[in-house]
Amino acid sequence: MNPSIWNHRSVRGALEALYHGKCAWCERKLDLHIDHYRSKSLYDWAGYQWSNLLPICSECNVRKRGAFPLEDKSPRLHSPQSLADCVADSAFLLAENPLLIHPEIDDPADYLGYFADGRVHDLGIGGKGTATIEVLQLNWPYVIIA
């Protein structure tokens, strides 16, 4: 894979505009990188798919490190049958039952609540909130914006 493709300024610029210059996970405005929702090490076929690319700050990028938890007993996908299977909200991809919130197809407000001090908590719907908080360590002091 050639990272210069997804790090090209036109891709980066479009993602930064779509996310208003904020990290897709913690929403801080920092130096953003391009991350893969589904890890390119586990899903090499999804490396160049637009709906798999998210702007991410360096701290969240380090914390995520390619993690992509699935619901118990969900089989990990291999190769899609068609390009239509690679769209984030395709039945093919959703059948995998990912536990990370995808900010383009999941409404984070359905899964995450906020305490007055800025900490995040799971709203108890399907485990996505808990998994996202744990993988991205969203309650670390550097993330909390009170």
C-alpha atoms as a PDB file:
ATOM      1  CA  MET A   1       0.000   0.000   0.000  1.00  0.00           C
ATOM      2  CA  ASN A   2       1.111   3.490  -0.760  1.00  0.00           C
ATOM      3  CA  PRO A   3       0.338   5.851   2.177  1.00  0.00           C
ATOM      4  CA  SER A   4       0.966   8.892  -0.002  1.00  0.00           C
ATOM      5  CA  ILE A   5      -2.407   8.208  -1.644  1.00  0.00           C
ATOM      6  CA  TRP A   6      -4.550   8.552   1.499  1.00  0.00           C
ATOM      7  CA  ASN A   7      -2.248  11.227   2.900  1.00  0.00           C
ATOM      8  CA  HIS A   8      -2.498  13.290  -0.287  1.00  0.00           C
ATOM      9  CA  ARG A   9      -3.487  16.868   0.527  1.00  0.00           C
ATOM     10  CA  SER A  10      -6.749  16.583  -1.434  1.00  0.00           C
ATOM     11  CA  VAL A  11      -7.838  13.532   0.617  1.00  0.00           C
ATOM     12  CA  ARG A  12      -6.645  15.105   3.870  1.00  0.00           C
ATOM     13  CA  GLY A  13      -8.299  18.419   2.993  1.00  0.00           C
ATOM     14  CA  ALA A  14     -11.631  16.780   2.147  1.00  0.00           C
ATOM     15  CA  LEU A  15     -11.644  14.775   5.393  1.00  0.00           C
ATOM     16  CA  GLU A  16     -10.649  17.793   7.479  1.00  0.00           C
ATOM     17  CA  ALA A  17     -13.484  19.789   5.874  1.00  0.00           C
ATOM     18  CA  LEU A  18     -15.972  16.985   6.480  1.00  0.00           C
ATOM     19  CA  TYR A  19     -14.948  16.746  10.147  1.00  0.00           C
ATOM     20  CA  HIS A  20     -14.504  20.520  10.606  1.00  0.00           C
ATOM     21  CA  GLY A  21     -10.796  20.115  11.321  1.00  0.00           C
ATOM     22  CA  LYS A  22     -11.456  17.837  14.307  1.00  0.00           C
ATOM     23  CA  CYS A  23     -10.317  14.342  15.220  1.00  0.00           C
ATOM     24  CA  ALA A  24     -13.056  11.833  14.358  1.00  0.00           C
ATOM     25  CA  TRP A  25     -12.692  10.248  17.797  1.00  0.00           C
ATOM     26  CA  CYS A  26     -11.929  12.902  20.418  1.00  0.00           C
ATOM     27  CA  GLU A  27     -12.979  15.999  18.435  1.00  0.00           C
ATOM     28  CA  ARG A  28      -9.891  17.983  19.357  1.00  0.00           C
ATOM     29  CA  LYS A  29      -8.402  20.302  16.754  1.00  0.00           C
ATOM     30  CA  LEU A  30      -4.810  19.157  16.454  1.00  0.00           C
ATOM     31  CA  ASP A  31      -2.412  18.063  13.752  1.00  0.00           C
ATOM     32  CA  LEU A  32      -4.516  15.420  12.045  1.00  0.00           C
ATOM     33  CA  HIS A  33      -3.431  12.202  10.382  1.00  0.00           C
ATOM     34  CA  ILE A  34      -5.460   9.833   8.251  1.00  0.00           C
ATOM     35  CA  ASP A  35      -6.570   6.678  10.057  1.00  0.00           C
ATOM     36  CA  HIS A  36      -8.285   3.551   8.832  1.00  0.00           C
ATOM     37  CA  TYR A  37     -11.482   2.674  10.687  1.00  0.00           C
ATOM     38  CA  ARG A  38     -10.843  -0.952   9.790  1.00  0.00           C
ATOM     39  CA  SER A  39      -7.127  -1.495  10.301  1.00  0.00           C
ATOM     40  CA  LYS A  40      -5.163  -1.796   7.075  1.00  0.00           C
ATOM     41  CA  SER A  41      -3.130  -4.602   8.686  1.00  0.00           C
ATOM     42  CA  LEU A  42      -6.285  -6.698   9.171  1.00  0.00           C
ATOM     43  CA  TYR A  43      -8.203  -5.422   6.140  1.00  0.00           C
ATOM     44  CA  ASP A  44      -5.677  -4.702   3.392  1.00  0.00           C
ATOM     45  CA  TRP A  45      -8.510  -4.634   0.844  1.00  0.00           C
ATOM     46  CA  ALA A  46     -10.096  -1.651   2.668  1.00  0.00           C
ATOM     47  CA  GLY A  47      -6.963   0.494   2.726  1.00  0.00           C
ATOM     48  CA  TYR A  48      -8.057   2.828  -0.059  1.00  0.00           C
ATOM     49  CA  GLN A  49     -11.810   2.887   0.575  1.00  0.00           C
ATOM     50  CA  TRP A  50     -13.072   6.428   1.243  1.00  0.00           C
ATOM     51  CA  SER A  51     -15.535   5.380   3.949  1.00  0.00           C
ATOM     52  CA  ASN A  52     -12.707   3.619   5.790  1.00  0.00           C
ATOM     53  CA  LEU A  53     -10.649   6.811   6.128  1.00  0.00           C
ATOM     54  CA  LEU A  54     -11.011   9.138   9.121  1.00  0.00           C
ATOM     55  CA  PRO A  55      -9.050  12.173  10.317  1.00  0.00           C
ATOM     56  CA  ILE A  56      -7.430  11.370  13.647  1.00  0.00           C
ATOM     57  CA  CYS A  57      -5.103  13.174  16.046  1.00  0.00           C
ATOM     58  CA  SER A  58      -1.732  11.640  16.852  1.00  0.00           C
ATOM     59  CA  GLU A  59      -2.747  10.722  20.421  1.00  0.00           C
ATOM     60  CA  CYS A  60      -5.838   8.793  19.296  1.00  0.00           C
ATOM     61  CA  ASN A  61      -3.824   7.224  16.484  1.00  0.00           C
ATOM     62  CA  VAL A  62      -1.281   5.874  18.985  1.00  0.00           C
ATOM     63  CA  ARG A  63      -4.043   4.603  21.281  1.00  0.00           C
ATOM     64  CA  LYS A  64      -6.054   2.932  18.513  1.00  0.00           C
ATOM     65  CA  ARG A  65      -3.000   1.201  16.986  1.00  0.00           C
ATOM     66  CA  GLY A  66      -5.012  -0.821  14.486  1.00  0.00           C
ATOM     67  CA  ALA A  67      -7.459  -2.172  17.064  1.00  0.00           C
ATOM     68  CA  PHE A  68     -10.783  -3.236  15.622  1.00  0.00           C
ATOM     69  CA  PRO A  69     -12.878  -5.177  18.156  1.00  0.00           C
ATOM     70  CA  LEU A  70     -15.898  -7.179  17.049  1.00  0.00           C
ATOM     71  CA  GLU A  71     -18.891  -8.492  18.953  1.00  0.00           C
ATOM     72  CA  ASP A  72     -18.276 -11.951  20.407  1.00  0.00           C
ATOM     73  CA  LYS A  73     -18.454 -14.727  17.844  1.00  0.00           C
ATOM     74  CA  SER A  74     -18.559 -12.331  14.900  1.00  0.00           C
ATOM     75  CA  PRO A  75     -16.323 -13.650  12.134  1.00  0.00           C
ATOM     76  CA  ARG A  76     -13.702 -11.256  10.807  1.00  0.00           C
ATOM     77  CA  LEU A  77     -14.323 -10.413   7.156  1.00  0.00           C
ATOM     78  CA  HIS A  78     -11.901 -11.250   4.416  1.00  0.00           C
ATOM     79  CA  SER A  79     -12.407 -10.159   0.825  1.00  0.00           C
ATOM     80  CA  PRO A  80     -15.522  -8.359  -0.391  1.00  0.00           C
ATOM     81  CA  GLN A  81     -17.389  -9.627  -3.426  1.00  0.00           C
ATOM     82  CA  SER A  82     -17.758  -6.189  -5.020  1.00  0.00           C
ATOM     83  CA  LEU A  83     -16.905  -2.521  -4.530  1.00  0.00           C
ATOM     84  CA  ALA A  84     -20.423  -1.963  -3.167  1.00  0.00           C
ATOM     85  CA  ASP A  85     -19.469  -4.242  -0.260  1.00  0.00           C
ATOM     86  CA  CYS A  86     -16.739  -1.765   0.749  1.00  0.00           C
ATOM     87  CA  VAL A  87     -19.069   1.131   1.585  1.00  0.00           C
ATOM     88  CA  ALA A  88     -19.160   1.655   5.370  1.00  0.00           C
ATOM     89  CA  ASP A  89     -22.905   1.014   5.713  1.00  0.00           C
ATOM     90  CA  SER A  90     -23.048  -2.015   3.384  1.00  0.00           C
ATOM     91  CA  ALA A  91     -24.738  -5.143   4.710  1.00  0.00           C
ATOM     92  CA  PHE A  92     -21.460  -6.983   4.075  1.00  0.00           C
ATOM     93  CA  LEU A  93     -19.469  -4.761   6.469  1.00  0.00           C
ATOM     94  CA  LEU A  94     -22.213  -4.286   9.055  1.00  0.00           C
ATOM     95  CA  ALA A  95     -22.640  -8.079   9.356  1.00  0.00           C
ATOM     96  CA  GLU A  96     -19.239  -8.146  11.018  1.00  0.00           C
ATOM     97  CA  ASN A  97     -20.735  -6.325  14.045  1.00  0.00           C
ATOM     98  CA  PRO A  98     -17.872  -3.925  14.771  1.00  0.00           C
ATOM     99  CA  LEU A  99     -17.733  -2.484  18.276  1.00  0.00           C
ATOM    100  CA  LEU A 100     -16.058   0.820  17.407  1.00  0.00           C
ATOM    101  CA  ILE A 101     -18.418   3.672  16.669  1.00  0.00           C
ATOM    102  CA  HIS A 102     -18.143   4.747  13.028  1.00  0.00           C
ATOM    103  CA  PRO A 103     -18.838   8.494  13.090  1.00  0.00           C
ATOM    104  CA  GLU A 104     -20.316   8.458   9.591  1.00  0.00           C
ATOM    105  CA  ILE A 105     -22.879   5.703  10.138  1.00  0.00           C
ATOM    106  CA  ASP A 106     -23.372   5.666  13.910  1.00  0.00           C
ATOM    107  CA  ASP A 107     -24.587   8.668  15.856  1.00  0.00           C
ATOM    108  CA  PRO A 108     -22.122   8.880  18.760  1.00  0.00           C
ATOM    109  CA  ALA A 109     -24.897  10.484  20.863  1.00  0.00           C
ATOM    110  CA  ASP A 110     -26.711   7.133  20.724  1.00  0.00           C
ATOM    111  CA  TYR A 111     -23.797   5.432  22.503  1.00  0.00           C
ATOM    112  CA  LEU A 112     -21.883   8.063  24.480  1.00  0.00           C
ATOM    113  CA  GLY A 113     -22.907  10.421  27.249  1.00  0.00           C
ATOM    114  CA  TYR A 114     -20.862  13.097  28.937  1.00  0.00           C
ATOM    115  CA  PHE A 115     -20.409  14.008  32.579  1.00  0.00           C
ATOM    116  CA  ALA A 116     -20.133  17.684  33.577  1.00  0.00           C
ATOM    117  CA  ASP A 117     -16.365  17.266  34.055  1.00  0.00           C
ATOM    118  CA  GLY A 118     -15.929  16.164  30.424  1.00  0.00           C
ATOM    119  CA  ARG A 119     -15.554  12.434  31.014  1.00  0.00           C
ATOM    120  CA  VAL A 120     -17.354  10.109  28.620  1.00  0.00           C
ATOM    121  CA  HIS A 121     -19.590   7.192  29.623  1.00  0.00           C
ATOM    122  CA  ASP A 122     -21.338   4.386  27.785  1.00  0.00           C
ATOM    123  CA  LEU A 123     -25.101   4.701  27.402  1.00  0.00           C
ATOM    124  CA  GLY A 124     -25.405   0.905  27.488  1.00  0.00           C
ATOM    125  CA  ILE A 125     -26.506   0.239  23.927  1.00  0.00           C
ATOM    126  CA  GLY A 126     -24.750  -2.737  22.388  1.00  0.00           C
ATOM    127  CA  GLY A 127     -21.248  -2.250  23.796  1.00  0.00           C
ATOM    128  CA  LYS A 128     -20.086   0.243  21.137  1.00  0.00           C
ATOM    129  CA  GLY A 129     -19.716   3.050  23.658  1.00  0.00           C
ATOM    130  CA  THR A 130     -17.614   0.983  26.043  1.00  0.00           C
ATOM    131  CA  ALA A 131     -15.387  -0.410  23.293  1.00  0.00           C
ATOM    132  CA  THR A 132     -14.813   3.018  21.768  1.00  0.00           C
ATOM    133  CA  ILE A 133     -14.015   4.583  25.155  1.00  0.00           C
ATOM    134  CA  GLU A 134     -11.611   1.748  26.036  1.00  0.00           C
ATOM    135  CA  VAL A 135      -9.797   1.430  22.698  1.00  0.00           C
ATOM    136  CA  LEU A 136      -9.323   5.183  22.289  1.00  0.00           C
ATOM    137  CA  GLN A 137      -8.937   5.834  26.022  1.00  0.00           C
ATOM    138  CA  LEU A 138     -11.332   8.759  25.740  1.00  0.00           C
ATOM    139  CA  ASN A 139     -11.235   9.476  29.474  1.00  0.00           C
ATOM    140  CA  TRP A 140      -7.514  10.146  29.642  1.00  0.00           C
ATOM    141  CA  PRO A 141      -6.842  13.667  30.944  1.00  0.00           C
ATOM    142  CA  TYR A 142      -5.412  14.877  27.618  1.00  0.00           C
ATOM    143  CA  VAL A 143      -8.725  14.147  25.883  1.00  0.00           C
ATOM    144  CA  ILE A 144     -11.157  15.545  28.437  1.00  0.00           C
ATOM    145  CA  ILE A 145     -12.326  19.015  27.482  1.00  0.00           C
ATOM    146  CA  ALA A 146     -14.471  20.354  30.301  1.00  0.00           C
END
